[in-house]
Amino acid sequence: MAQADDDIRALLDQQAIDMAKGDAQAAIAAYADGPVLYDLPPPLQVTADAGGLQEWIDGWDKPPTITYRDLEVSVAGDLAVAWGFVHTAVRRDGEDGGFWSRNTWAFRRGADGWKITHNHNSVPFYMDDSQRAALDLEPGTGAAEIKGS
């Protein structure tokens, strides 16, 4: 089980490295064929499309940097699930920024190793009149806390 945990973490780390290099084709190599992806932008379900991902990467001054926090991995045979917080650091028009999201991944081990079969990426939103994404949250010890409060 420890080897599987290490392999899954290495897969996610490699995907983050590929993103930081701006290489969408390499980043989507972490996915199995026909993964189910629930990502931040519309529509409700997206595909593992290197062209669309490359367009997103190229929309920044430099490729986004992805880091993980509080990542947990649970393995049962050839299936695994992982969850945790993901920080995406970005720069646009010379301004640094970024946001935290909540991610859950499902993995299947096959002949070519572990691959992502499902990824659910989300941010909470303020349930007031604004309905805006709560991009000002950071993981804390327990419930997320609003920065600056």
N, C-alpha and C. Protein backbone atom coordinates (compact mmCIF):
# COMPACT_ATOMS: atom_id res chain seq x y z
N MET A 1 0.82 -1.21 0.00
CA MET A 1 0.00 0.00 0.00
C MET A 1 0.86 1.26 0.00
N ALA A 2 1.98 1.24 0.72
CA ALA A 2 2.83 2.43 0.79
C ALA A 2 3.38 2.77 -0.60
N GLN A 3 3.72 1.75 -1.40
CA GLN A 3 4.24 2.01 -2.74
C GLN A 3 3.16 2.65 -3.62
N ALA A 4 1.93 2.16 -3.52
CA ALA A 4 0.84 2.73 -4.30
C ALA A 4 0.62 4.20 -3.91
N ASP A 5 0.64 4.48 -2.63
CA ASP A 5 0.49 5.86 -2.14
C ASP A 5 1.59 6.73 -2.74
N ASP A 6 2.83 6.26 -2.69
CA ASP A 6 3.96 7.01 -3.25
C ASP A 6 3.79 7.22 -4.75
N ASP A 7 3.34 6.18 -5.46
CA ASP A 7 3.16 6.28 -6.91
C ASP A 7 2.09 7.30 -7.28
N ILE A 8 1.01 7.34 -6.52
CA ILE A 8 -0.07 8.29 -6.79
C ILE A 8 0.39 9.71 -6.51
N ARG A 9 1.08 9.91 -5.41
CA ARG A 9 1.62 11.24 -5.11
C ARG A 9 2.61 11.68 -6.19
N ALA A 10 3.42 10.74 -6.68
CA ALA A 10 4.38 11.05 -7.75
C ALA A 10 3.66 11.43 -9.04
N LEU A 11 2.56 10.76 -9.34
CA LEU A 11 1.76 11.08 -10.53
C LEU A 11 1.22 12.52 -10.45
N LEU A 12 0.67 12.88 -9.29
CA LEU A 12 0.15 14.24 -9.11
C LEU A 12 1.28 15.27 -9.13
N ASP A 13 2.41 14.92 -8.52
CA ASP A 13 3.56 15.84 -8.54
C ASP A 13 4.05 16.05 -9.97
N GLN A 14 4.10 14.97 -10.76
CA GLN A 14 4.55 15.09 -12.15
C GLN A 14 3.58 15.95 -12.95
N GLN A 15 2.29 15.79 -12.71
CA GLN A 15 1.31 16.61 -13.40
C GLN A 15 1.52 18.09 -13.05
N ALA A 16 1.82 18.39 -11.79
CA ALA A 16 2.09 19.77 -11.38
C ALA A 16 3.36 20.30 -12.06
N ILE A 17 4.39 19.46 -12.18
CA ILE A 17 5.62 19.85 -12.87
C ILE A 17 5.33 20.16 -14.33
N ASP A 18 4.53 19.31 -14.96
CA ASP A 18 4.18 19.52 -16.37
C ASP A 18 3.40 20.82 -16.56
N MET A 19 2.52 21.12 -15.62
CA MET A 19 1.77 22.39 -15.69
C MET A 19 2.73 23.57 -15.57
N ALA A 20 3.66 23.50 -14.63
CA ALA A 20 4.62 24.59 -14.42
C ALA A 20 5.51 24.80 -15.65
N LYS A 21 5.73 23.74 -16.41
CA LYS A 21 6.49 23.84 -17.66
C LYS A 21 5.63 24.38 -18.80
N GLY A 22 4.32 24.44 -18.58
CA GLY A 22 3.42 24.90 -19.62
C GLY A 22 3.12 23.84 -20.66
N ASP A 23 3.28 22.57 -20.28
CA ASP A 23 3.12 21.44 -21.21
C ASP A 23 1.80 20.71 -20.96
N ALA A 24 0.74 21.18 -21.59
CA ALA A 24 -0.59 20.60 -21.40
C ALA A 24 -0.64 19.13 -21.84
N GLN A 25 0.02 18.81 -22.94
CA GLN A 25 0.00 17.43 -23.44
C GLN A 25 0.58 16.48 -22.40
N ALA A 26 1.68 16.85 -21.77
CA ALA A 26 2.27 16.02 -20.73
C ALA A 26 1.37 15.96 -19.50
N ALA A 27 0.73 17.09 -19.15
CA ALA A 27 -0.13 17.13 -17.97
C ALA A 27 -1.32 16.20 -18.10
N ILE A 28 -1.90 16.10 -19.30
CA ILE A 28 -3.07 15.23 -19.44
C ILE A 28 -2.69 13.76 -19.56
N ALA A 29 -1.41 13.46 -19.68
CA ALA A 29 -0.97 12.06 -19.71
C ALA A 29 -1.26 11.35 -18.39
N ALA A 30 -1.53 12.10 -17.33
CA ALA A 30 -1.87 11.50 -16.03
C ALA A 30 -3.27 10.88 -16.04
N TYR A 31 -4.09 11.23 -17.03
CA TYR A 31 -5.47 10.74 -17.08
C TYR A 31 -5.59 9.43 -17.84
N ALA A 32 -6.51 8.59 -17.37
CA ALA A 32 -6.91 7.39 -18.10
C ALA A 32 -7.71 7.82 -19.33
N ASP A 33 -7.99 6.90 -20.21
CA ASP A 33 -8.86 7.20 -21.34
C ASP A 33 -10.26 7.49 -20.82
N GLY A 34 -10.85 8.57 -21.34
CA GLY A 34 -12.23 8.92 -20.99
C GLY A 34 -12.48 9.25 -19.55
N PRO A 35 -11.63 10.06 -18.92
CA PRO A 35 -11.86 10.40 -17.51
C PRO A 35 -13.09 11.28 -17.34
N VAL A 36 -13.66 11.25 -16.16
CA VAL A 36 -14.76 12.15 -15.82
C VAL A 36 -14.16 13.30 -15.03
N LEU A 37 -14.26 14.52 -15.59
CA LEU A 37 -13.62 15.69 -14.99
C LEU A 37 -14.65 16.76 -14.68
N TYR A 38 -14.76 17.11 -13.41
CA TYR A 38 -15.60 18.21 -12.96
C TYR A 38 -14.65 19.33 -12.55
N ASP A 39 -14.48 20.29 -13.43
CA ASP A 39 -13.50 21.35 -13.19
C ASP A 39 -14.20 22.66 -12.88
N LEU A 40 -13.43 23.71 -12.68
CA LEU A 40 -14.00 24.99 -12.26
C LEU A 40 -14.80 25.70 -13.35
N PRO A 41 -14.28 25.80 -14.59
CA PRO A 41 -15.06 26.53 -15.59
C PRO A 41 -16.18 25.68 -16.17
N PRO A 42 -17.21 26.33 -16.74
CA PRO A 42 -18.26 25.58 -17.42
C PRO A 42 -17.66 24.81 -18.60
N PRO A 43 -18.32 23.77 -19.03
CA PRO A 43 -19.60 23.22 -18.57
C PRO A 43 -19.44 22.41 -17.29
N LEU A 44 -20.49 21.72 -16.88
CA LEU A 44 -20.45 20.95 -15.63
C LEU A 44 -19.43 19.81 -15.69
N GLN A 45 -19.24 19.23 -16.87
CA GLN A 45 -18.24 18.17 -17.05
C GLN A 45 -17.39 18.55 -18.25
N VAL A 46 -16.07 18.43 -18.11
CA VAL A 46 -15.17 18.77 -19.20
C VAL A 46 -14.40 17.52 -19.64
N THR A 47 -13.67 17.64 -20.72
CA THR A 47 -12.87 16.52 -21.21
C THR A 47 -11.39 16.83 -20.99
N ALA A 48 -10.58 15.79 -21.03
CA ALA A 48 -9.13 15.95 -20.91
C ALA A 48 -8.61 16.36 -22.28
N ASP A 49 -8.70 17.66 -22.56
CA ASP A 49 -8.37 18.21 -23.86
C ASP A 49 -7.10 19.03 -23.75
N ALA A 50 -6.03 18.56 -24.37
CA ALA A 50 -4.75 19.27 -24.28
C ALA A 50 -4.86 20.66 -24.89
N GLY A 51 -5.65 20.81 -25.96
CA GLY A 51 -5.79 22.12 -26.60
C GLY A 51 -6.43 23.14 -25.68
N GLY A 52 -7.52 22.76 -25.02
CA GLY A 52 -8.19 23.67 -24.10
C GLY A 52 -7.32 23.99 -22.89
N LEU A 53 -6.62 22.99 -22.37
CA LEU A 53 -5.74 23.22 -21.23
C LEU A 53 -4.58 24.13 -21.64
N GLN A 54 -4.03 23.90 -22.83
CA GLN A 54 -2.92 24.74 -23.29
C GLN A 54 -3.37 26.18 -23.45
N GLU A 55 -4.58 26.38 -23.95
CA GLU A 55 -5.12 27.73 -24.10
C GLU A 55 -5.23 28.43 -22.74
N TRP A 56 -5.68 27.67 -21.71
CA TRP A 56 -5.78 28.22 -20.36
C TRP A 56 -4.40 28.58 -19.83
N ILE A 57 -3.44 27.66 -19.99
CA ILE A 57 -2.06 27.92 -19.53
C ILE A 57 -1.49 29.16 -20.20
N ASP A 58 -1.71 29.27 -21.51
CA ASP A 58 -1.15 30.38 -22.28
C ASP A 58 -1.82 31.71 -21.98
N GLY A 59 -2.95 31.69 -21.26
CA GLY A 59 -3.64 32.92 -20.89
C GLY A 59 -2.98 33.66 -19.74
N TRP A 60 -1.95 33.08 -19.15
CA TRP A 60 -1.25 33.70 -18.03
C TRP A 60 0.10 34.22 -18.50
N ASP A 61 0.72 35.10 -17.71
CA ASP A 61 2.05 35.61 -18.05
C ASP A 61 3.09 34.51 -18.06
N LYS A 62 2.91 33.55 -17.20
CA LYS A 62 3.77 32.36 -17.14
C LYS A 62 2.87 31.21 -16.71
N PRO A 63 3.28 29.97 -16.94
CA PRO A 63 2.42 28.84 -16.57
C PRO A 63 2.10 28.83 -15.07
N PRO A 64 0.89 28.43 -14.72
CA PRO A 64 0.51 28.33 -13.31
C PRO A 64 1.37 27.31 -12.56
N THR A 65 1.56 27.57 -11.28
CA THR A 65 2.28 26.65 -10.40
C THR A 65 1.27 26.01 -9.46
N ILE A 66 1.27 24.69 -9.43
CA ILE A 66 0.31 23.92 -8.64
C ILE A 66 1.03 23.32 -7.44
N THR A 67 0.47 23.51 -6.24
CA THR A 67 0.99 22.86 -5.04
C THR A 67 -0.17 22.24 -4.27
N TYR A 68 0.14 21.25 -3.46
CA TYR A 68 -0.87 20.51 -2.71
C TYR A 68 -0.69 20.73 -1.21
N ARG A 69 -1.80 20.64 -0.50
CA ARG A 69 -1.76 20.72 0.96
C ARG A 69 -2.77 19.74 1.53
N ASP A 70 -2.39 19.10 2.61
CA ASP A 70 -3.26 18.15 3.32
C ASP A 70 -3.76 17.04 2.39
N LEU A 71 -2.88 16.56 1.51
CA LEU A 71 -3.25 15.51 0.56
C LEU A 71 -3.32 14.17 1.28
N GLU A 72 -4.45 13.50 1.14
CA GLU A 72 -4.67 12.17 1.70
C GLU A 72 -4.90 11.20 0.55
N VAL A 73 -4.38 9.99 0.68
CA VAL A 73 -4.53 8.96 -0.34
C VAL A 73 -5.01 7.69 0.35
N SER A 74 -6.01 7.05 -0.24
CA SER A 74 -6.52 5.78 0.27
C SER A 74 -6.55 4.79 -0.89
N VAL A 75 -5.91 3.63 -0.69
CA VAL A 75 -5.76 2.63 -1.75
C VAL A 75 -6.45 1.34 -1.35
N ALA A 76 -7.17 0.75 -2.31
CA ALA A 76 -7.80 -0.56 -2.12
C ALA A 76 -7.59 -1.35 -3.41
N GLY A 77 -6.58 -2.19 -3.43
CA GLY A 77 -6.29 -2.97 -4.62
C GLY A 77 -5.85 -2.08 -5.77
N ASP A 78 -6.56 -2.17 -6.90
CA ASP A 78 -6.23 -1.39 -8.08
C ASP A 78 -7.03 -0.10 -8.19
N LEU A 79 -7.73 0.27 -7.11
CA LEU A 79 -8.47 1.52 -7.07
C LEU A 79 -7.95 2.38 -5.92
N ALA A 80 -8.00 3.67 -6.11
CA ALA A 80 -7.56 4.59 -5.06
C ALA A 80 -8.34 5.89 -5.17
N VAL A 81 -8.38 6.59 -4.07
CA VAL A 81 -8.97 7.92 -4.04
C VAL A 81 -8.02 8.83 -3.26
N ALA A 82 -7.94 10.08 -3.69
CA ALA A 82 -7.12 11.07 -2.99
C ALA A 82 -7.94 12.35 -2.89
N TRP A 83 -7.65 13.13 -1.86
CA TRP A 83 -8.35 14.40 -1.67
C TRP A 83 -7.43 15.36 -0.94
N GLY A 84 -7.68 16.62 -1.15
CA GLY A 84 -6.89 17.63 -0.48
C GLY A 84 -7.12 18.99 -1.12
N PHE A 85 -6.30 19.95 -0.70
CA PHE A 85 -6.38 21.31 -1.20
C PHE A 85 -5.31 21.53 -2.25
N VAL A 86 -5.64 22.29 -3.27
CA VAL A 86 -4.72 22.60 -4.35
C VAL A 86 -4.60 24.11 -4.46
N HIS A 87 -3.36 24.60 -4.46
CA HIS A 87 -3.14 26.02 -4.67
C HIS A 87 -2.63 26.22 -6.09
N THR A 88 -3.28 27.11 -6.81
CA THR A 88 -2.87 27.47 -8.16
C THR A 88 -2.35 28.90 -8.11
N ALA A 89 -1.04 29.05 -8.29
CA ALA A 89 -0.41 30.38 -8.30
C ALA A 89 -0.32 30.84 -9.75
N VAL A 90 -0.75 32.07 -10.00
CA VAL A 90 -0.81 32.60 -11.35
C VAL A 90 -0.23 34.01 -11.39
N ARG A 91 0.07 34.46 -12.61
CA ARG A 91 0.51 35.84 -12.82
C ARG A 91 -0.15 36.33 -14.11
N ARG A 92 -0.80 37.47 -14.01
CA ARG A 92 -1.40 38.09 -15.20
C ARG A 92 -1.13 39.59 -15.14
N ASP A 93 -0.70 40.13 -16.27
CA ASP A 93 -0.38 41.57 -16.36
C ASP A 93 0.62 41.97 -15.28
N GLY A 94 1.57 41.09 -15.00
CA GLY A 94 2.62 41.38 -14.03
C GLY A 94 2.20 41.25 -12.58
N GLU A 95 0.95 40.90 -12.32
CA GLU A 95 0.43 40.78 -10.96
C GLU A 95 0.36 39.31 -10.56
N ASP A 96 0.95 38.98 -9.40
CA ASP A 96 0.85 37.63 -8.87
C ASP A 96 -0.49 37.44 -8.19
N GLY A 97 -1.02 36.26 -8.31
CA GLY A 97 -2.28 35.92 -7.66
C GLY A 97 -2.36 34.43 -7.48
N GLY A 98 -3.52 33.98 -7.13
CA GLY A 98 -3.72 32.56 -6.96
C GLY A 98 -4.94 32.29 -6.13
N PHE A 99 -5.26 31.01 -6.03
CA PHE A 99 -6.44 30.61 -5.28
C PHE A 99 -6.29 29.17 -4.83
N TRP A 100 -7.04 28.84 -3.79
CA TRP A 100 -7.13 27.48 -3.28
C TRP A 100 -8.40 26.84 -3.81
N SER A 101 -8.32 25.57 -4.13
CA SER A 101 -9.51 24.80 -4.49
C SER A 101 -9.49 23.49 -3.72
N ARG A 102 -10.61 22.80 -3.76
CA ARG A 102 -10.75 21.50 -3.11
C ARG A 102 -10.79 20.47 -4.22
N ASN A 103 -9.96 19.43 -4.11
CA ASN A 103 -9.91 18.42 -5.16
C ASN A 103 -10.12 17.03 -4.59
N THR A 104 -10.77 16.21 -5.39
CA THR A 104 -10.89 14.78 -5.13
C THR A 104 -10.55 14.06 -6.42
N TRP A 105 -9.71 13.06 -6.33
CA TRP A 105 -9.31 12.27 -7.49
C TRP A 105 -9.64 10.81 -7.25
N ALA A 106 -10.02 10.10 -8.31
CA ALA A 106 -10.13 8.64 -8.29
C ALA A 106 -9.10 8.12 -9.28
N PHE A 107 -8.47 7.00 -8.91
CA PHE A 107 -7.41 6.42 -9.73
C PHE A 107 -7.69 4.94 -9.96
N ARG A 108 -7.19 4.43 -11.08
CA ARG A 108 -7.21 3.00 -11.36
C ARG A 108 -5.80 2.60 -11.80
N ARG A 109 -5.34 1.46 -11.29
CA ARG A 109 -4.03 0.94 -11.68
C ARG A 109 -4.23 -0.05 -12.81
N GLY A 110 -3.51 0.17 -13.89
CA GLY A 110 -3.56 -0.73 -15.04
C GLY A 110 -2.15 -1.11 -15.46
N ALA A 111 -2.04 -1.65 -16.65
CA ALA A 111 -0.75 -2.09 -17.16
C ALA A 111 0.26 -0.94 -17.24
N ASP A 112 -0.23 0.28 -17.45
CA ASP A 112 0.66 1.44 -17.54
C ASP A 112 0.74 2.23 -16.23
N GLY A 113 0.38 1.59 -15.12
CA GLY A 113 0.48 2.23 -13.81
C GLY A 113 -0.80 2.93 -13.42
N TRP A 114 -0.70 3.82 -12.44
CA TRP A 114 -1.85 4.55 -11.94
C TRP A 114 -2.22 5.67 -12.91
N LYS A 115 -3.52 5.83 -13.14
CA LYS A 115 -4.04 6.91 -13.97
C LYS A 115 -5.26 7.51 -13.28
N ILE A 116 -5.49 8.79 -13.50
CA ILE A 116 -6.65 9.48 -12.94
C ILE A 116 -7.87 9.13 -13.79
N THR A 117 -8.91 8.60 -13.15
CA THR A 117 -10.15 8.29 -13.85
C THR A 117 -11.23 9.34 -13.57
N HIS A 118 -11.07 10.07 -12.48
CA HIS A 118 -12.04 11.11 -12.11
C HIS A 118 -11.32 12.19 -11.31
N ASN A 119 -11.66 13.44 -11.60
CA ASN A 119 -11.13 14.56 -10.84
C ASN A 119 -12.26 15.56 -10.63
N HIS A 120 -12.50 15.91 -9.38
CA HIS A 120 -13.52 16.91 -9.04
C HIS A 120 -12.79 18.06 -8.36
N ASN A 121 -12.86 19.21 -8.98
CA ASN A 121 -12.17 20.41 -8.54
C ASN A 121 -13.25 21.45 -8.24
N SER A 122 -13.24 22.03 -7.05
CA SER A 122 -14.28 22.99 -6.72
C SER A 122 -13.76 24.08 -5.78
N VAL A 123 -14.48 25.20 -5.79
CA VAL A 123 -14.28 26.25 -4.79
C VAL A 123 -15.64 26.53 -4.17
N PRO A 124 -15.66 26.87 -2.89
CA PRO A 124 -16.94 27.26 -2.30
C PRO A 124 -17.38 28.60 -2.87
N PHE A 125 -18.64 28.94 -2.67
CA PHE A 125 -19.12 30.24 -3.09
C PHE A 125 -19.93 30.86 -1.96
N TYR A 126 -19.96 32.19 -1.99
CA TYR A 126 -20.72 32.91 -0.97
C TYR A 126 -22.20 32.78 -1.28
N MET A 127 -22.95 32.28 -0.33
CA MET A 127 -24.37 32.03 -0.53
C MET A 127 -25.17 33.25 -0.10
N ASP A 128 -24.78 34.40 -0.67
CA ASP A 128 -25.48 35.65 -0.43
C ASP A 128 -25.93 36.20 -1.79
N ASP A 129 -26.27 37.43 -1.85
CA ASP A 129 -26.74 38.01 -3.11
C ASP A 129 -25.66 38.02 -4.19
N SER A 130 -24.38 38.01 -3.78
CA SER A 130 -23.30 38.08 -4.76
C SER A 130 -23.09 36.76 -5.50
N GLN A 131 -23.29 35.65 -4.81
CA GLN A 131 -23.07 34.32 -5.38
C GLN A 131 -21.67 34.17 -5.96
N ARG A 132 -20.71 34.96 -5.47
CA ARG A 132 -19.36 34.93 -6.04
C ARG A 132 -18.54 33.80 -5.45
N ALA A 133 -17.57 33.35 -6.24
CA ALA A 133 -16.65 32.31 -5.77
C ALA A 133 -15.85 32.85 -4.59
N ALA A 134 -15.65 32.01 -3.61
CA ALA A 134 -14.91 32.40 -2.39
C ALA A 134 -13.42 32.12 -2.60
N LEU A 135 -12.81 32.90 -3.46
CA LEU A 135 -11.39 32.70 -3.79
C LEU A 135 -10.46 33.29 -2.74
N ASP A 136 -11.01 33.91 -1.71
CA ASP A 136 -10.20 34.51 -0.66
C ASP A 136 -10.03 33.58 0.55
N LEU A 137 -10.40 32.31 0.40
CA LEU A 137 -10.26 31.36 1.50
C LEU A 137 -8.92 30.64 1.42
N GLU A 138 -8.42 30.24 2.56
CA GLU A 138 -7.22 29.43 2.66
C GLU A 138 -7.50 28.28 3.60
N PRO A 139 -6.85 27.14 3.36
CA PRO A 139 -7.04 26.03 4.30
C PRO A 139 -6.50 26.42 5.67
N GLY A 140 -7.20 26.01 6.69
CA GLY A 140 -6.76 26.27 8.05
C GLY A 140 -6.73 24.96 8.82
N THR A 141 -6.61 25.05 10.07
CA THR A 141 -6.67 23.85 10.91
C THR A 141 -8.13 23.65 11.27
N GLY A 142 -8.81 22.92 10.47
CA GLY A 142 -10.26 22.75 10.64
C GLY A 142 -10.96 23.48 9.53
N ALA A 143 -11.95 24.29 9.85
CA ALA A 143 -12.69 25.04 8.84
C ALA A 143 -11.81 26.10 8.21
N ALA A 144 -12.03 26.35 6.92
CA ALA A 144 -11.28 27.39 6.21
C ALA A 144 -11.62 28.76 6.81
N GLU A 145 -10.63 29.63 6.79
CA GLU A 145 -10.81 30.94 7.36
C GLU A 145 -10.68 31.98 6.26
N ILE A 146 -11.42 33.07 6.37
CA ILE A 146 -11.35 34.14 5.39
C ILE A 146 -10.12 34.98 5.68
N LYS A 147 -9.31 35.21 4.64
CA LYS A 147 -8.12 36.04 4.81
C LYS A 147 -8.54 37.44 5.21
N GLY A 148 -7.77 38.05 6.07
CA GLY A 148 -8.00 39.42 6.46
C GLY A 148 -9.07 39.63 7.51
N SER A 149 -9.64 38.54 8.01
CA SER A 149 -10.67 38.73 9.03
C SER A 149 -10.14 38.48 10.41
